[in-house]
Amino acid sequence: MAYDEELAARIQDILVGQPDLEVKKMFGGMGYLVQGNMACGVYKDMLIVRVGPDAYDESLEYPHTRPFDMTGRAMKGWVMVEPPSFSSKADLKQWVQTGLDFALTLPPK
């Protein structure tokens, strides 16, 4: 399955005007990087969010979230969010902002 291009467009709309934004095709989907650090992405029909290690466990308590795992080895600090949890613009914006907030704590690459 190709990535959800509609979801990618929705994310792009939220990120319009974000300084130092780079959009890259990666892992069969799209990645959104700020200052060289990935904040969020699209994989198939799911949203990937880099929440960081401190918010990881709490993020997994939200409905329709799970560890980001494409290889059988989960990446701590990253979550996959299924469509019901970002159906509204407000919900998607909140998830994207979470990823941005964490990515902006990292040193630029």
PDB file of N, CA and C in Angstrom:
ATOM      1  N   MET A   1       0.840  -1.180   0.000  1.00  0.00           N
ATOM      2  CA  MET A   1       0.000   0.000   0.000  1.00  0.00           C
ATOM      3  C   MET A   1       0.883   1.241   0.000  1.00  0.00           C
ATOM      4  N   ALA A   2       0.599   2.147  -0.870  1.00  0.00           N
ATOM      5  CA  ALA A   2       1.295   3.427  -0.874  1.00  0.00           C
ATOM      6  C   ALA A   2       0.844   4.240   0.329  1.00  0.00           C
ATOM      7  N   TYR A   3       1.568   5.299   0.620  1.00  0.00           N
ATOM      8  CA  TYR A   3       1.181   6.124   1.761  1.00  0.00           C
ATOM      9  C   TYR A   3      -0.052   6.959   1.438  1.00  0.00           C
ATOM     10  N   ASP A   4      -0.740   7.403   2.466  1.00  0.00           N
ATOM     11  CA  ASP A   4      -1.968   8.180   2.347  1.00  0.00           C
ATOM     12  C   ASP A   4      -1.614   9.616   1.942  1.00  0.00           C
ATOM     13  N   GLU A   5      -1.798   9.922   0.675  1.00  0.00           N
ATOM     14  CA  GLU A   5      -1.435  11.241   0.155  1.00  0.00           C
ATOM     15  C   GLU A   5      -2.343  12.337   0.708  1.00  0.00           C
ATOM     16  N   GLU A   6      -3.573  11.999   1.026  1.00  0.00           N
ATOM     17  CA  GLU A   6      -4.479  12.985   1.626  1.00  0.00           C
ATOM     18  C   GLU A   6      -3.981  13.381   3.020  1.00  0.00           C
ATOM     19  N   LEU A   7      -3.538  12.410   3.797  1.00  0.00           N
ATOM     20  CA  LEU A   7      -2.975  12.706   5.106  1.00  0.00           C
ATOM     21  C   LEU A   7      -1.722  13.563   4.954  1.00  0.00           C
ATOM     22  N   ALA A   8      -0.877  13.230   4.000  1.00  0.00           N
ATOM     23  CA  ALA A   8       0.331  14.025   3.759  1.00  0.00           C
ATOM     24  C   ALA A   8      -0.030  15.474   3.425  1.00  0.00           C
ATOM     25  N   ALA A   9      -1.065  15.681   2.633  1.00  0.00           N
ATOM     26  CA  ALA A   9      -1.500  17.038   2.282  1.00  0.00           C
ATOM     27  C   ALA A   9      -2.040  17.773   3.503  1.00  0.00           C
ATOM     28  N   ARG A  10      -2.755  17.057   4.353  1.00  0.00           N
ATOM     29  CA  ARG A  10      -3.285  17.674   5.585  1.00  0.00           C
ATOM     30  C   ARG A  10      -2.144  18.122   6.500  1.00  0.00           C
ATOM     31  N   ILE A  11      -1.109  17.294   6.607  1.00  0.00           N
ATOM     32  CA  ILE A  11       0.043  17.657   7.429  1.00  0.00           C
ATOM     33  C   ILE A  11       0.752  18.863   6.820  1.00  0.00           C
ATOM     34  N   GLN A  12       0.927  18.829   5.509  1.00  0.00           N
ATOM     35  CA  GLN A  12       1.585  19.938   4.816  1.00  0.00           C
ATOM     36  C   GLN A  12       0.841  21.247   5.067  1.00  0.00           C
ATOM     37  N   ASP A  13      -0.482  21.206   5.063  1.00  0.00           N
ATOM     38  CA  ASP A  13      -1.282  22.405   5.338  1.00  0.00           C
ATOM     39  C   ASP A  13      -1.018  22.942   6.751  1.00  0.00           C
ATOM     40  N   ILE A  14      -0.858  22.047   7.698  1.00  0.00           N
ATOM     41  CA  ILE A  14      -0.590  22.457   9.073  1.00  0.00           C
ATOM     42  C   ILE A  14       0.800  23.080   9.189  1.00  0.00           C
ATOM     43  N   LEU A  15       1.752  22.549   8.431  1.00  0.00           N
ATOM     44  CA  LEU A  15       3.140  22.981   8.556  1.00  0.00           C
ATOM     45  C   LEU A  15       3.523  24.160   7.656  1.00  0.00           C
ATOM     46  N   VAL A  16       2.583  24.665   6.883  1.00  0.00           N
ATOM     47  CA  VAL A  16       2.882  25.810   6.005  1.00  0.00           C
ATOM     48  C   VAL A  16       3.488  26.942   6.834  1.00  0.00           C
ATOM     49  N   GLY A  17       4.618  27.449   6.386  1.00  0.00           N
ATOM     50  CA  GLY A  17       5.269  28.562   7.064  1.00  0.00           C
ATOM     51  C   GLY A  17       6.215  28.152   8.181  1.00  0.00           C
ATOM     52  N   GLN A  18       6.307  26.861   8.474  1.00  0.00           N
ATOM     53  CA  GLN A  18       7.218  26.393   9.522  1.00  0.00           C
ATOM     54  C   GLN A  18       8.660  26.592   9.049  1.00  0.00           C
ATOM     55  N   PRO A  19       9.445  27.374   9.792  1.00  0.00           N
ATOM     56  CA  PRO A  19      10.842  27.584   9.394  1.00  0.00           C
ATOM     57  C   PRO A  19      11.634  26.281   9.409  1.00  0.00           C
ATOM     58  N   ASP A  20      12.578  26.193   8.506  1.00  0.00           N
ATOM     59  CA  ASP A  20      13.496  25.046   8.431  1.00  0.00           C
ATOM     60  C   ASP A  20      12.793  23.713   8.220  1.00  0.00           C
ATOM     61  N   LEU A  21      11.645  23.724   7.549  1.00  0.00           N
ATOM     62  CA  LEU A  21      10.910  22.491   7.264  1.00  0.00           C
ATOM     63  C   LEU A  21      11.470  21.834   6.013  1.00  0.00           C
ATOM     64  N   GLU A  22      11.651  20.536   6.097  1.00  0.00           N
ATOM     65  CA  GLU A  22      12.054  19.745   4.938  1.00  0.00           C
ATOM     66  C   GLU A  22      11.115  18.545   4.847  1.00  0.00           C
ATOM     67  N   VAL A  23      10.602  18.285   3.671  1.00  0.00           N
ATOM     68  CA  VAL A  23       9.720  17.148   3.437  1.00  0.00           C
ATOM     69  C   VAL A  23      10.497  16.150   2.591  1.00  0.00           C
ATOM     70  N   LYS A  24      10.574  14.910   3.068  1.00  0.00           N
ATOM     71  CA  LYS A  24      11.356  13.887   2.377  1.00  0.00           C
ATOM     72  C   LYS A  24      10.538  12.615   2.220  1.00  0.00           C
ATOM     73  N   LYS A  25      10.698  11.991   1.061  1.00  0.00           N
ATOM     74  CA  LYS A  25      10.153  10.649   0.903  1.00  0.00           C
ATOM     75  C   LYS A  25      11.076   9.705   1.644  1.00  0.00           C
ATOM     76  N   MET A  26      10.488   8.899   2.522  1.00  0.00           N
ATOM     77  CA  MET A  26      11.271   7.925   3.282  1.00  0.00           C
ATOM     78  C   MET A  26      10.370   6.798   3.769  1.00  0.00           C
ATOM     79  N   PHE A  27      10.955   5.643   3.992  1.00  0.00           N
ATOM     80  CA  PHE A  27      10.291   4.419   4.463  1.00  0.00           C
ATOM     81  C   PHE A  27       8.970   4.159   3.748  1.00  0.00           C
ATOM     82  N   GLY A  28       8.919   4.444   2.452  1.00  0.00           N
ATOM     83  CA  GLY A  28       7.707   4.223   1.664  1.00  0.00           C
ATOM     84  C   GLY A  28       6.617   5.231   1.941  1.00  0.00           C
ATOM     85  N   GLY A  29       6.946   6.293   2.626  1.00  0.00           N
ATOM     86  CA  GLY A  29       5.976   7.328   2.970  1.00  0.00           C
ATOM     87  C   GLY A  29       6.621   8.695   2.891  1.00  0.00           C
ATOM     88  N   MET A  30       6.202   9.582   3.788  1.00  0.00           N
ATOM     89  CA  MET A  30       6.734  10.938   3.828  1.00  0.00           C
ATOM     90  C   MET A  30       7.211  11.249   5.239  1.00  0.00           C
ATOM     91  N   GLY A  31       8.312  11.991   5.312  1.00  0.00           N
ATOM     92  CA  GLY A  31       8.829  12.453   6.587  1.00  0.00           C
ATOM     93  C   GLY A  31       8.881  13.967   6.598  1.00  0.00           C
ATOM     94  N   TYR A  32       8.612  14.543   7.752  1.00  0.00           N
ATOM     95  CA  TYR A  32       8.625  15.993   7.929  1.00  0.00           C
ATOM     96  C   TYR A  32       9.692  16.316   8.962  1.00  0.00           C
ATOM     97  N   LEU A  33      10.723  17.020   8.512  1.00  0.00           N
ATOM     98  CA  LEU A  33      11.869  17.317   9.350  1.00  0.00           C
ATOM     99  C   LEU A  33      11.939  18.817   9.618  1.00  0.00           C
ATOM    100  N   VAL A  34      12.359  19.150  10.824  1.00  0.00           N
ATOM    101  CA  VAL A  34      12.564  20.539  11.214  1.00  0.00           C
ATOM    102  C   VAL A  34      13.991  20.644  11.719  1.00  0.00           C
ATOM    103  N   GLN A  35      14.752  21.551  11.148  1.00  0.00           N
ATOM    104  CA  GLN A  35      16.173  21.712  11.475  1.00  0.00           C
ATOM    105  C   GLN A  35      16.917  20.390  11.334  1.00  0.00           C
ATOM    106  N   GLY A  36      16.495  19.571  10.376  1.00  0.00           N
ATOM    107  CA  GLY A  36      17.149  18.303  10.102  1.00  0.00           C
ATOM    108  C   GLY A  36      16.702  17.144  10.961  1.00  0.00           C
ATOM    109  N   ASN A  37      15.793  17.367  11.890  1.00  0.00           N
ATOM    110  CA  ASN A  37      15.299  16.312  12.779  1.00  0.00           C
ATOM    111  C   ASN A  37      13.857  15.971  12.437  1.00  0.00           C
ATOM    112  N   MET A  38      13.585  14.680  12.321  1.00  0.00           N
ATOM    113  CA  MET A  38      12.235  14.272  11.969  1.00  0.00           C
ATOM    114  C   MET A  38      11.271  14.550  13.116  1.00  0.00           C
ATOM    115  N   ALA A  39      10.130  15.160  12.768  1.00  0.00           N
ATOM    116  CA  ALA A  39       9.087  15.467  13.743  1.00  0.00           C
ATOM    117  C   ALA A  39       7.918  14.505  13.615  1.00  0.00           C
ATOM    118  N   CYS A  40       7.533  14.216  12.374  1.00  0.00           N
ATOM    119  CA  CYS A  40       6.398  13.334  12.126  1.00  0.00           C
ATOM    120  C   CYS A  40       6.499  12.809  10.703  1.00  0.00           C
ATOM    121  N   GLY A  41       5.594  11.915  10.367  1.00  0.00           N
ATOM    122  CA  GLY A  41       5.594  11.351   9.032  1.00  0.00           C
ATOM    123  C   GLY A  41       4.316  10.586   8.755  1.00  0.00           C
ATOM    124  N   VAL A  42       4.254  10.081   7.543  1.00  0.00           N
ATOM    125  CA  VAL A  42       3.121   9.269   7.104  1.00  0.00           C
ATOM    126  C   VAL A  42       3.672   7.926   6.645  1.00  0.00           C
ATOM    127  N   TYR A  43       3.105   6.861   7.177  1.00  0.00           N
ATOM    128  CA  TYR A  43       3.444   5.506   6.766  1.00  0.00           C
ATOM    129  C   TYR A  43       2.133   4.779   6.505  1.00  0.00           C
ATOM    130  N   LYS A  44       1.919   4.372   5.268  1.00  0.00           N
ATOM    131  CA  LYS A  44       0.650   3.789   4.840  1.00  0.00           C
ATOM    132  C   LYS A  44      -0.473   4.760   5.181  1.00  0.00           C
ATOM    133  N   ASP A  45      -1.421   4.366   6.044  1.00  0.00           N
ATOM    134  CA  ASP A  45      -2.490   5.300   6.401  1.00  0.00           C
ATOM    135  C   ASP A  45      -2.328   5.822   7.822  1.00  0.00           C
ATOM    136  N   MET A  46      -1.124   5.654   8.379  1.00  0.00           N
ATOM    137  CA  MET A  46      -0.881   6.039   9.759  1.00  0.00           C
ATOM    138  C   MET A  46       0.037   7.245   9.863  1.00  0.00           C
ATOM    139  N   LEU A  47      -0.125   7.945  10.951  1.00  0.00           N
ATOM    140  CA  LEU A  47       0.719   9.073  11.296  1.00  0.00           C
ATOM    141  C   LEU A  47       1.817   8.567  12.216  1.00  0.00           C
ATOM    142  N   ILE A  48       3.041   8.957  11.944  1.00  0.00           N
ATOM    143  CA  ILE A  48       4.166   8.635  12.814  1.00  0.00           C
ATOM    144  C   ILE A  48       4.532   9.933  13.529  1.00  0.00           C
ATOM    145  N   VAL A  49       4.682   9.867  14.833  1.00  0.00           N
ATOM    146  CA  VAL A  49       5.008  11.073  15.606  1.00  0.00           C
ATOM    147  C   VAL A  49       6.198  10.779  16.513  1.00  0.00           C
ATOM    148  N   ARG A  50       7.159  11.673  16.441  1.00  0.00           N
ATOM    149  CA  ARG A  50       8.320  11.571  17.330  1.00  0.00           C
ATOM    150  C   ARG A  50       7.979  12.334  18.604  1.00  0.00           C
ATOM    151  N   VAL A  51       7.639  11.600  19.646  1.00  0.00           N
ATOM    152  CA  VAL A  51       7.184  12.208  20.896  1.00  0.00           C
ATOM    153  C   VAL A  51       8.309  12.362  21.902  1.00  0.00           C
ATOM    154  N   GLY A  52       9.402  11.649  21.693  1.00  0.00           N
ATOM    155  CA  GLY A  52      10.525  11.681  22.624  1.00  0.00           C
ATOM    156  C   GLY A  52      10.377  10.657  23.718  1.00  0.00           C
ATOM    157  N   PRO A  53      11.486  10.335  24.375  1.00  0.00           N
ATOM    158  CA  PRO A  53      11.451   9.274  25.390  1.00  0.00           C
ATOM    159  C   PRO A  53      10.600   9.614  26.611  1.00  0.00           C
ATOM    160  N   ASP A  54      10.554  10.875  27.000  1.00  0.00           N
ATOM    161  CA  ASP A  54       9.805  11.241  28.203  1.00  0.00           C
ATOM    162  C   ASP A  54       8.291  11.134  28.014  1.00  0.00           C
ATOM    163  N   ALA A  55       7.807  11.388  26.809  1.00  0.00           N
ATOM    164  CA  ALA A  55       6.360  11.351  26.541  1.00  0.00           C
ATOM    165  C   ALA A  55       5.908  10.039  25.904  1.00  0.00           C
ATOM    166  N   TYR A  56       6.830   9.112  25.713  1.00  0.00           N
ATOM    167  CA  TYR A  56       6.536   7.874  24.994  1.00  0.00           C
ATOM    168  C   TYR A  56       5.433   7.044  25.663  1.00  0.00           C
ATOM    169  N   ASP A  57       5.626   6.689  26.915  1.00  0.00           N
ATOM    170  CA  ASP A  57       4.642   5.830  27.594  1.00  0.00           C
ATOM    171  C   ASP A  57       3.277   6.505  27.665  1.00  0.00           C
ATOM    172  N   GLU A  58       3.251   7.784  27.984  1.00  0.00           N
ATOM    173  CA  GLU A  58       1.987   8.520  28.060  1.00  0.00           C
ATOM    174  C   GLU A  58       1.289   8.554  26.699  1.00  0.00           C
ATOM    175  N   SER A  59       2.056   8.735  25.634  1.00  0.00           N
ATOM    176  CA  SER A  59       1.470   8.784  24.289  1.00  0.00           C
ATOM    177  C   SER A  59       0.819   7.467  23.907  1.00  0.00           C
ATOM    178  N   LEU A  60       1.374   6.371  24.388  1.00  0.00           N
ATOM    179  CA  LEU A  60       0.815   5.054  24.075  1.00  0.00           C
ATOM    180  C   LEU A  60      -0.489   4.776  24.817  1.00  0.00           C
ATOM    181  N   GLU A  61      -0.829   5.619  25.789  1.00  0.00           N
ATOM    182  CA  GLU A  61      -2.092   5.459  26.504  1.00  0.00           C
ATOM    183  C   GLU A  61      -3.278   6.027  25.726  1.00  0.00           C
ATOM    184  N   TYR A  62      -3.001   6.854  24.715  1.00  0.00           N
ATOM    185  CA  TYR A  62      -4.081   7.411  23.903  1.00  0.00           C
ATOM    186  C   TYR A  62      -4.668   6.311  23.016  1.00  0.00           C
ATOM    187  N   PRO A  63      -5.967   6.400  22.718  1.00  0.00           N
ATOM    188  CA  PRO A  63      -6.571   5.390  21.839  1.00  0.00           C
ATOM    189  C   PRO A  63      -5.920   5.407  20.457  1.00  0.00           C
ATOM    190  N   HIS A  64      -5.848   4.260  19.853  1.00  0.00           N
ATOM    191  CA  HIS A  64      -5.384   4.099  18.474  1.00  0.00           C
ATOM    192  C   HIS A  64      -3.916   4.482  18.287  1.00  0.00           C
ATOM    193  N   THR A  65      -3.113   4.270  19.330  1.00  0.00           N
ATOM    194  CA  THR A  65      -1.674   4.480  19.204  1.00  0.00           C
ATOM    195  C   THR A  65      -0.962   3.176  19.511  1.00  0.00           C
ATOM    196  N   ARG A  66       0.222   3.056  18.957  1.00  0.00           N
ATOM    197  CA  ARG A  66       1.044   1.882  19.232  1.00  0.00           C
ATOM    198  C   ARG A  66       2.505   2.250  18.973  1.00  0.00           C
ATOM    199  N   PRO A  67       3.421   1.421  19.433  1.00  0.00           N
ATOM    200  CA  PRO A  67       4.832   1.712  19.166  1.00  0.00           C
ATOM    201  C   PRO A  67       5.108   1.741  17.665  1.00  0.00           C
ATOM    202  N   PHE A  68       6.026   2.581  17.265  1.00  0.00           N
ATOM    203  CA  PHE A  68       6.451   2.653  15.866  1.00  0.00           C
ATOM    204  C   PHE A  68       7.392   1.485  15.622  1.00  0.00           C
ATOM    205  N   ASP A  69       6.921   0.536  14.842  1.00  0.00           N
ATOM    206  CA  ASP A  69       7.673  -0.685  14.617  1.00  0.00           C
ATOM    207  C   ASP A  69       7.416  -1.166  13.191  1.00  0.00           C
ATOM    208  N   MET A  70       8.408  -1.039  12.353  1.00  0.00           N
ATOM    209  CA  MET A  70       8.286  -1.521  10.973  1.00  0.00           C
ATOM    210  C   MET A  70       9.150  -2.755  10.744  1.00  0.00           C
ATOM    211  N   THR A  71      10.030  -3.069  11.703  1.00  0.00           N
ATOM    212  CA  THR A  71      11.010  -4.124  11.487  1.00  0.00           C
ATOM    213  C   THR A  71      10.962  -5.234  12.536  1.00  0.00           C
ATOM    214  N   GLY A  72      10.039  -5.162  13.482  1.00  0.00           N
ATOM    215  CA  GLY A  72      10.014  -6.111  14.578  1.00  0.00           C
ATOM    216  C   GLY A  72      10.763  -5.590  15.791  1.00  0.00           C
ATOM    217  N   ARG A  73      11.241  -4.374  15.680  1.00  0.00           N
ATOM    218  CA  ARG A  73      11.969  -3.741  16.784  1.00  0.00           C
ATOM    219  C   ARG A  73      11.444  -2.319  16.950  1.00  0.00           C
ATOM    220  N   ALA A  74      10.650  -2.093  17.990  1.00  0.00           N
ATOM    221  CA  ALA A  74      10.013  -0.790  18.213  1.00  0.00           C
ATOM    222  C   ALA A  74      11.058   0.293  18.474  1.00  0.00           C
ATOM    223  N   MET A  75      10.765   1.479  17.973  1.00  0.00           N
ATOM    224  CA  MET A  75      11.627   2.634  18.195  1.00  0.00           C
ATOM    225  C   MET A  75      11.057   3.448  19.350  1.00  0.00           C
ATOM    226  N   LYS A  76      11.711   3.392  20.491  1.00  0.00           N
ATOM    227  CA  LYS A  76      11.234   4.128  21.667  1.00  0.00           C
ATOM    228  C   LYS A  76      11.317   5.628  21.388  1.00  0.00           C
ATOM    229  N   GLY A  77      10.252   6.319  21.767  1.00  0.00           N
ATOM    230  CA  GLY A  77      10.195   7.756  21.515  1.00  0.00           C
ATOM    231  C   GLY A  77       9.393   8.109  20.273  1.00  0.00           C
ATOM    232  N   TRP A  78       8.934   7.088  19.565  1.00  0.00           N
ATOM    233  CA  TRP A  78       8.137   7.271  18.352  1.00  0.00           C
ATOM    234  C   TRP A  78       6.851   6.463  18.491  1.00  0.00           C
ATOM    235  N   VAL A  79       5.739   7.014  18.055  1.00  0.00           N
ATOM    236  CA  VAL A  79       4.477   6.279  18.074  1.00  0.00           C
ATOM    237  C   VAL A  79       3.820   6.317  16.696  1.00  0.00           C
ATOM    238  N   MET A  80       3.039   5.286  16.436  1.00  0.00           N
ATOM    239  CA  MET A  80       2.200   5.246  15.247  1.00  0.00           C
ATOM    240  C   MET A  80       0.775   5.537  15.705  1.00  0.00           C
ATOM    241  N   VAL A  81       0.117   6.411  14.984  1.00  0.00           N
ATOM    242  CA  VAL A  81      -1.232   6.826  15.351  1.00  0.00           C
ATOM    243  C   VAL A  81      -2.167   6.418  14.210  1.00  0.00           C
ATOM    244  N   GLU A  82      -3.205   5.693  14.534  1.00  0.00           N
ATOM    245  CA  GLU A  82      -4.152   5.219  13.525  1.00  0.00           C
ATOM    246  C   GLU A  82      -5.187   6.299  13.212  1.00  0.00           C
ATOM    247  N   PRO A  83      -5.795   6.247  12.031  1.00  0.00           N
ATOM    248  CA  PRO A  83      -6.692   7.306  11.553  1.00  0.00           C
ATOM    249  C   PRO A  83      -7.776   7.789  12.514  1.00  0.00           C
ATOM    250  N   PRO A  84      -8.410   6.953  13.312  1.00  0.00           N
ATOM    251  CA  PRO A  84      -9.456   7.512  14.183  1.00  0.00           C
ATOM    252  C   PRO A  84      -8.952   8.600  15.140  1.00  0.00           C
ATOM    253  N   SER A  85      -7.660   8.575  15.449  1.00  0.00           N
ATOM    254  CA  SER A  85      -7.126   9.551  16.404  1.00  0.00           C
ATOM    255  C   SER A  85      -6.684  10.866  15.768  1.00  0.00           C
ATOM    256  N   PHE A  86      -6.803  10.983  14.452  1.00  0.00           N
ATOM    257  CA  PHE A  86      -6.465  12.258  13.818  1.00  0.00           C
ATOM    258  C   PHE A  86      -7.475  12.624  12.732  1.00  0.00           C
ATOM    259  N   SER A  87      -8.712  12.189  12.922  1.00  0.00           N
ATOM    260  CA  SER A  87      -9.732  12.469  11.904  1.00  0.00           C
ATOM    261  C   SER A  87     -10.088  13.950  11.840  1.00  0.00           C
ATOM    262  N   SER A  88     -10.062  14.640  12.967  1.00  0.00           N
ATOM    263  CA  SER A  88     -10.360  16.079  12.937  1.00  0.00           C
ATOM    264  C   SER A  88      -9.061  16.856  12.719  1.00  0.00           C
ATOM    265  N   LYS A  89      -9.214  18.054  12.193  1.00  0.00           N
ATOM    266  CA  LYS A  89      -8.040  18.909  11.977  1.00  0.00           C
ATOM    267  C   LYS A  89      -7.365  19.235  13.301  1.00  0.00           C
ATOM    268  N   ALA A  90      -8.169  19.479  14.334  1.00  0.00           N
ATOM    269  CA  ALA A  90      -7.610  19.811  15.651  1.00  0.00           C
ATOM    270  C   ALA A  90      -6.774  18.658  16.207  1.00  0.00           C
ATOM    271  N   ASP A  91      -7.276  17.433  16.075  1.00  0.00           N
ATOM    272  CA  ASP A  91      -6.536  16.268  16.576  1.00  0.00           C
ATOM    273  C   ASP A  91      -5.228  16.088  15.802  1.00  0.00           C
ATOM    274  N   LEU A  92      -5.286  16.203  14.482  1.00  0.00           N
ATOM    275  CA  LEU A  92      -4.079  16.062  13.676  1.00  0.00           C
ATOM    276  C   LEU A  92      -3.077  17.159  14.035  1.00  0.00           C
ATOM    277  N   LYS A  93      -3.569  18.374  14.172  1.00  0.00           N
ATOM    278  CA  LYS A  93      -2.687  19.493  14.511  1.00  0.00           C
ATOM    279  C   LYS A  93      -2.004  19.254  15.861  1.00  0.00           C
ATOM    280  N   GLN A  94      -2.731  18.705  16.813  1.00  0.00           N
ATOM    281  CA  GLN A  94      -2.148  18.429  18.123  1.00  0.00           C
ATOM    282  C   GLN A  94      -1.028  17.403  18.024  1.00  0.00           C
ATOM    283  N   TRP A  95      -1.251  16.327  17.280  1.00  0.00           N
ATOM    284  CA  TRP A  95      -0.212  15.312  17.103  1.00  0.00           C
ATOM    285  C   TRP A  95       0.999  15.895  16.383  1.00  0.00           C
ATOM    286  N   VAL A  96       0.765  16.641  15.309  1.00  0.00           N
ATOM    287  CA  VAL A  96       1.874  17.236  14.553  1.00  0.00           C
ATOM    288  C   VAL A  96       2.653  18.200  15.450  1.00  0.00           C
ATOM    289  N   GLN A  97       1.948  18.993  16.241  1.00  0.00           N
ATOM    290  CA  GLN A  97       2.608  19.935  17.137  1.00  0.00           C
ATOM    291  C   GLN A  97       3.453  19.206  18.176  1.00  0.00           C
ATOM    292  N   THR A  98       2.976  18.075  18.649  1.00  0.00           N
ATOM    293  CA  THR A  98       3.754  17.274  19.598  1.00  0.00           C
ATOM    294  C   THR A  98       5.084  16.877  18.981  1.00  0.00           C
ATOM    295  N   GLY A  99       5.047  16.421  17.730  1.00  0.00           N
ATOM    296  CA  GLY A  99       6.277  16.058  17.032  1.00  0.00           C
ATOM    297  C   GLY A  99       7.189  17.252  16.809  1.00  0.00           C
ATOM    298  N   LEU A 100       6.617  18.376  16.416  1.00  0.00           N
ATOM    299  CA  LEU A 100       7.404  19.597  16.220  1.00  0.00           C
ATOM    300  C   LEU A 100       8.064  20.034  17.521  1.00  0.00           C
ATOM    301  N   ASP A 101       7.274  20.044  18.584  1.00  0.00           N
ATOM    302  CA  ASP A 101       7.797  20.488  19.873  1.00  0.00           C
ATOM    303  C   ASP A 101       9.013  19.663  20.284  1.00  0.00           C
ATOM    304  N   PHE A 102       8.934  18.351  20.102  1.00  0.00           N
ATOM    305  CA  PHE A 102      10.080  17.522  20.477  1.00  0.00           C
ATOM    306  C   PHE A 102      11.250  17.755  19.527  1.00  0.00           C
ATOM    307  N   ALA A 103      11.002  17.758  18.239  1.00  0.00           N
ATOM    308  CA  ALA A 103      12.091  17.932  17.261  1.00  0.00           C
ATOM    309  C   ALA A 103      12.839  19.239  17.492  1.00  0.00           C
ATOM    310  N   LEU A 104      12.127  20.269  17.922  1.00  0.00           N
ATOM    311  CA  LEU A 104      12.775  21.567  18.146  1.00  0.00           C
ATOM    312  C   LEU A 104      13.625  21.591  19.427  1.00  0.00           C
ATOM    313  N   THR A 105      13.534  20.551  20.256  1.00  0.00           N
ATOM    314  CA  THR A 105      14.405  20.473  21.430  1.00  0.00           C
ATOM    315  C   THR A 105      15.771  19.888  21.074  1.00  0.00           C
ATOM    316  N   LEU A 106      15.871  19.315  19.890  1.00  0.00           N
ATOM    317  CA  LEU A 106      17.106  18.659  19.468  1.00  0.00           C
ATOM    318  C   LEU A 106      18.033  19.644  18.765  1.00  0.00           C
ATOM    319  N   PRO A 107      19.338  19.395  18.828  1.00  0.00           N
ATOM    320  CA  PRO A 107      20.263  20.282  18.121  1.00  0.00           C
ATOM    321  C   PRO A 107      20.044  20.171  16.602  1.00  0.00           C
ATOM    322  N   PRO A 108      20.140  21.282  15.894  1.00  0.00           N
ATOM    323  CA  PRO A 108      19.989  21.236  14.429  1.00  0.00           C
ATOM    324  C   PRO A 108      21.051  20.335  13.803  1.00  0.00           C
ATOM    325  N   LYS A 109      20.676  19.707  12.707  1.00  0.00           N
ATOM    326  CA  LYS A 109      21.617  18.854  11.964  1.00  0.00           C
ATOM    327  C   LYS A 109      22.071  19.586  10.722  1.00  0.00           C
TER     328      LYS A 109
END
